[in-house]
Amino acid sequence: MPRVISDECVKCGTCAGECPVEAITEGADKYEINKDTCIDCGACEANCPSNAISEE
């Protein structure tokens, strides 16, 4: 199941740097995960300092 980023995102960019398939991009208010690209590896969630990433 793809991950999602909540409004708790502080736009630090850590998650984007950890994604092996580059499924995470910077949005207007927070980073966003492309559900079609996400391989559900969990690397982004494990490294998010604000705990803003979870399974959908």
C-alpha atoms as a PDB file:
ATOM      1  CA  MET A   1       0.000   0.000   0.000  1.00  0.00           C
ATOM      2  CA  PRO A   2       1.505   3.380  -0.959  1.00  0.00           C
ATOM      3  CA  ARG A   3       2.458   5.837   1.746  1.00  0.00           C
ATOM      4  CA  VAL A   4       0.846   9.265   2.197  1.00  0.00           C
ATOM      5  CA  ILE A   5       2.211  12.479   3.699  1.00  0.00           C
ATOM      6  CA  SER A   6       0.042  14.326   6.207  1.00  0.00           C
ATOM      7  CA  ASP A   7      -0.167  18.037   6.973  1.00  0.00           C
ATOM      8  CA  GLU A   8       2.424  17.440   9.724  1.00  0.00           C
ATOM      9  CA  CYS A   9       5.072  17.616   6.966  1.00  0.00           C
ATOM     10  CA  VAL A  10       7.651  20.339   7.655  1.00  0.00           C
ATOM     11  CA  LYS A  11       9.027  20.254   4.079  1.00  0.00           C
ATOM     12  CA  CYS A  12      12.529  19.240   5.134  1.00  0.00           C
ATOM     13  CA  GLY A  13      13.037  17.010   2.070  1.00  0.00           C
ATOM     14  CA  THR A  14      14.458  14.043   3.952  1.00  0.00           C
ATOM     15  CA  CYS A  15      11.817  11.713   2.529  1.00  0.00           C
ATOM     16  CA  ALA A  16      12.532  12.664  -1.081  1.00  0.00           C
ATOM     17  CA  GLY A  17      16.217  11.926  -0.606  1.00  0.00           C
ATOM     18  CA  GLU A  18      15.445   8.469   0.800  1.00  0.00           C
ATOM     19  CA  CYS A  19      13.013   7.352  -1.933  1.00  0.00           C
ATOM     20  CA  PRO A  20      14.733   4.831  -4.255  1.00  0.00           C
ATOM     21  CA  VAL A  21      12.217   5.391  -7.076  1.00  0.00           C
ATOM     22  CA  GLU A  22      11.918   9.196  -6.820  1.00  0.00           C
ATOM     23  CA  ALA A  23       8.181   9.018  -6.075  1.00  0.00           C
ATOM     24  CA  ILE A  24       8.271  12.038  -3.747  1.00  0.00           C
ATOM     25  CA  THR A  25       8.133  15.623  -4.949  1.00  0.00           C
ATOM     26  CA  GLU A  26       7.789  18.991  -3.261  1.00  0.00           C
ATOM     27  CA  GLY A  27       4.245  20.334  -3.309  1.00  0.00           C
ATOM     28  CA  ALA A  28       2.943  23.790  -2.424  1.00  0.00           C
ATOM     29  CA  ASP A  29       2.421  23.085   1.293  1.00  0.00           C
ATOM     30  CA  LYS A  30       4.066  19.693   1.823  1.00  0.00           C
ATOM     31  CA  TYR A  31       5.862  16.924  -0.013  1.00  0.00           C
ATOM     32  CA  GLU A  32       3.684  14.522  -2.023  1.00  0.00           C
ATOM     33  CA  ILE A  33       4.014  10.844  -2.919  1.00  0.00           C
ATOM     34  CA  ASN A  34       3.089   9.637  -6.401  1.00  0.00           C
ATOM     35  CA  LYS A  35       0.958   6.570  -5.656  1.00  0.00           C
ATOM     36  CA  ASP A  36       1.640   5.076  -9.085  1.00  0.00           C
ATOM     37  CA  THR A  37       5.403   5.206  -8.570  1.00  0.00           C
ATOM     38  CA  CYS A  38       5.642   4.303  -4.863  1.00  0.00           C
ATOM     39  CA  ILE A  39       6.908   0.747  -4.282  1.00  0.00           C
ATOM     40  CA  ASP A  40       5.896   0.695  -0.599  1.00  0.00           C
ATOM     41  CA  CYS A  41       9.425   0.181   0.692  1.00  0.00           C
ATOM     42  CA  GLY A  42       8.906   2.391   3.764  1.00  0.00           C
ATOM     43  CA  ALA A  43      12.251   4.203   3.516  1.00  0.00           C
ATOM     44  CA  CYS A  44      10.551   7.591   3.570  1.00  0.00           C
ATOM     45  CA  GLU A  45       8.418   6.781   6.598  1.00  0.00           C
ATOM     46  CA  ALA A  46      11.374   5.418   8.562  1.00  0.00           C
ATOM     47  CA  ASN A  47      13.361   8.619   8.018  1.00  0.00           C
ATOM     48  CA  CYS A  48      10.672  11.302   8.434  1.00  0.00           C
ATOM     49  CA  PRO A  49      11.624  13.474  11.443  1.00  0.00           C
ATOM     50  CA  SER A  50       8.056  14.768  11.908  1.00  0.00           C
ATOM     51  CA  ASN A  51       6.347  11.358  11.586  1.00  0.00           C
ATOM     52  CA  ALA A  52       4.183  12.780   8.782  1.00  0.00           C
ATOM     53  CA  ILE A  53       4.289   9.659   6.585  1.00  0.00           C
ATOM     54  CA  SER A  54       2.067   6.615   7.018  1.00  0.00           C
ATOM     55  CA  GLU A  55       0.367   3.885   5.051  1.00  0.00           C
ATOM     56  CA  GLU A  56      -2.737   5.021   3.241  1.00  0.00           C
END
